[in-house]
Amino acid sequence: MTSRTLMVGVICVVVGSILSILVVQYYSPNEGSNSTTPPDPLVVAPENAAEQTK
């Protein structure tokens, strides 16, 4: 394997991984943002907070 072939292979792997990350983020933009965001205490009563996060 020449160094040129190796360099092209590495660049293709890097570009492919970046594109795959962008595609995954495009098709699932809100994949877990609801579970990590706490409810707003000024809007939600404590007894209804668990029901809102579902």
N, C-alpha and C. Protein backbone atom coordinates (compact mmCIF):
# COMPACT_ATOMS: atom_id res chain seq x y z
N MET A 1 0.84 -1.18 0.00
CA MET A 1 0.00 0.00 0.00
C MET A 1 0.88 1.24 0.00
N THR A 2 0.56 2.12 -0.87
CA THR A 2 1.33 3.36 -0.91
C THR A 2 0.78 4.36 0.11
N SER A 3 1.54 5.38 0.35
CA SER A 3 1.10 6.37 1.32
C SER A 3 -0.10 7.16 0.80
N ARG A 4 -0.18 7.30 -0.52
CA ARG A 4 -1.32 8.04 -1.09
C ARG A 4 -2.62 7.25 -0.88
N THR A 5 -2.59 5.96 -1.09
CA THR A 5 -3.78 5.12 -0.88
C THR A 5 -4.20 5.14 0.59
N LEU A 6 -3.23 5.07 1.46
CA LEU A 6 -3.51 5.11 2.90
C LEU A 6 -4.13 6.44 3.30
N MET A 7 -3.61 7.53 2.77
CA MET A 7 -4.13 8.86 3.09
C MET A 7 -5.57 9.01 2.59
N VAL A 8 -5.84 8.55 1.37
CA VAL A 8 -7.20 8.62 0.83
C VAL A 8 -8.15 7.77 1.66
N GLY A 9 -7.70 6.62 2.10
CA GLY A 9 -8.53 5.76 2.94
C GLY A 9 -8.87 6.40 4.28
N VAL A 10 -7.90 7.03 4.90
CA VAL A 10 -8.13 7.70 6.19
C VAL A 10 -9.09 8.87 6.01
N ILE A 11 -8.91 9.64 4.94
CA ILE A 11 -9.81 10.77 4.70
C ILE A 11 -11.24 10.28 4.45
N CYS A 12 -11.38 9.17 3.71
CA CYS A 12 -12.72 8.63 3.46
C CYS A 12 -13.39 8.16 4.75
N VAL A 13 -12.62 7.55 5.64
CA VAL A 13 -13.18 7.09 6.92
C VAL A 13 -13.62 8.29 7.76
N VAL A 14 -12.81 9.33 7.80
CA VAL A 14 -13.16 10.52 8.59
C VAL A 14 -14.41 11.20 8.03
N VAL A 15 -14.46 11.38 6.71
CA VAL A 15 -15.62 12.03 6.10
C VAL A 15 -16.87 11.17 6.28
N GLY A 16 -16.73 9.85 6.15
CA GLY A 16 -17.87 8.95 6.34
C GLY A 16 -18.40 9.00 7.76
N SER A 17 -17.51 9.06 8.75
CA SER A 17 -17.97 9.10 10.13
C SER A 17 -18.66 10.43 10.44
N ILE A 18 -18.16 11.52 9.91
CA ILE A 18 -18.80 12.82 10.13
C ILE A 18 -20.18 12.84 9.47
N LEU A 19 -20.28 12.31 8.26
CA LEU A 19 -21.58 12.27 7.58
C LEU A 19 -22.57 11.37 8.31
N SER A 20 -22.11 10.26 8.85
CA SER A 20 -23.03 9.37 9.57
C SER A 20 -23.54 10.03 10.84
N ILE A 21 -22.69 10.79 11.52
CA ILE A 21 -23.14 11.51 12.73
C ILE A 21 -24.17 12.57 12.35
N LEU A 22 -23.94 13.28 11.26
CA LEU A 22 -24.90 14.30 10.83
C LEU A 22 -26.23 13.69 10.42
N VAL A 23 -26.21 12.54 9.76
CA VAL A 23 -27.45 11.88 9.36
C VAL A 23 -28.22 11.41 10.58
N VAL A 24 -27.54 10.86 11.57
CA VAL A 24 -28.23 10.40 12.78
C VAL A 24 -28.84 11.58 13.52
N GLN A 25 -28.14 12.69 13.61
CA GLN A 25 -28.69 13.86 14.29
C GLN A 25 -29.85 14.47 13.51
N TYR A 26 -29.84 14.35 12.20
CA TYR A 26 -30.92 14.91 11.39
C TYR A 26 -32.22 14.11 11.58
N TYR A 27 -32.10 12.79 11.64
CA TYR A 27 -33.30 11.97 11.72
C TYR A 27 -33.79 11.77 13.15
N SER A 28 -33.00 12.08 14.16
CA SER A 28 -33.47 11.99 15.54
C SER A 28 -32.97 13.20 16.33
N PRO A 29 -33.52 14.39 16.08
CA PRO A 29 -33.00 15.59 16.74
C PRO A 29 -33.35 15.68 18.22
N ASN A 30 -34.46 15.07 18.65
CA ASN A 30 -34.89 15.20 20.05
C ASN A 30 -34.77 13.87 20.78
N GLU A 31 -33.77 13.09 20.45
CA GLU A 31 -33.66 11.73 20.98
C GLU A 31 -33.45 11.72 22.46
N GLY A 32 -33.53 12.27 23.35
CA GLY A 32 -33.22 12.17 24.74
C GLY A 32 -33.15 13.53 25.37
N SER A 33 -33.53 14.55 24.65
CA SER A 33 -33.47 15.88 25.24
C SER A 33 -34.56 16.05 26.30
N ASN A 34 -35.67 15.33 26.16
CA ASN A 34 -36.75 15.44 27.15
C ASN A 34 -36.36 14.79 28.47
N SER A 35 -35.59 13.71 28.43
CA SER A 35 -35.26 13.01 29.66
C SER A 35 -34.19 13.75 30.46
N THR A 36 -33.38 14.59 29.82
CA THR A 36 -32.32 15.29 30.54
C THR A 36 -32.72 16.70 30.97
N THR A 37 -33.85 17.19 30.47
CA THR A 37 -34.28 18.53 30.82
C THR A 37 -35.26 18.47 32.00
N PRO A 38 -34.92 19.12 33.10
CA PRO A 38 -35.84 19.10 34.23
C PRO A 38 -37.06 19.98 33.95
N PRO A 39 -38.18 19.69 34.56
CA PRO A 39 -39.36 20.52 34.36
C PRO A 39 -39.17 21.92 34.96
N ASP A 40 -39.81 22.88 34.37
CA ASP A 40 -39.71 24.25 34.85
C ASP A 40 -40.53 24.40 36.13
N PRO A 41 -39.93 24.74 37.25
CA PRO A 41 -40.68 24.80 38.52
C PRO A 41 -41.68 25.96 38.56
N LEU A 42 -41.51 26.96 37.72
CA LEU A 42 -42.44 28.08 37.76
C LEU A 42 -43.72 27.77 36.97
N VAL A 43 -43.68 26.75 36.12
CA VAL A 43 -44.83 26.44 35.28
C VAL A 43 -45.51 25.16 35.74
N VAL A 44 -44.74 24.20 36.23
CA VAL A 44 -45.27 22.87 36.54
C VAL A 44 -45.37 22.71 38.05
N ALA A 45 -46.53 22.24 38.51
CA ALA A 45 -46.69 21.92 39.93
C ALA A 45 -45.92 20.63 40.22
N PRO A 46 -45.39 20.48 41.43
CA PRO A 46 -44.58 19.29 41.73
C PRO A 46 -45.34 17.98 41.55
N GLU A 47 -46.61 17.97 41.84
CA GLU A 47 -47.36 16.72 41.69
C GLU A 47 -47.61 16.36 40.22
N ASN A 48 -47.48 17.34 39.32
CA ASN A 48 -47.66 17.06 37.89
C ASN A 48 -46.34 16.97 37.13
N ALA A 49 -45.23 17.16 37.80
CA ALA A 49 -43.93 17.17 37.12
C ALA A 49 -43.59 15.81 36.53
N ALA A 50 -43.89 14.74 37.24
CA ALA A 50 -43.57 13.41 36.73
C ALA A 50 -44.43 13.08 35.51
N GLU A 51 -45.64 13.56 35.47
CA GLU A 51 -46.52 13.27 34.33
C GLU A 51 -46.09 14.05 33.09
N GLN A 52 -45.48 15.23 33.26
CA GLN A 52 -45.07 16.03 32.13
C GLN A 52 -43.85 15.45 31.43
N THR A 53 -42.95 14.82 32.18
CA THR A 53 -41.70 14.32 31.59
C THR A 53 -41.90 13.03 30.82
N LYS A 54 -43.06 12.42 30.86
CA LYS A 54 -43.29 11.18 30.14
C LYS A 54 -43.41 11.42 28.66
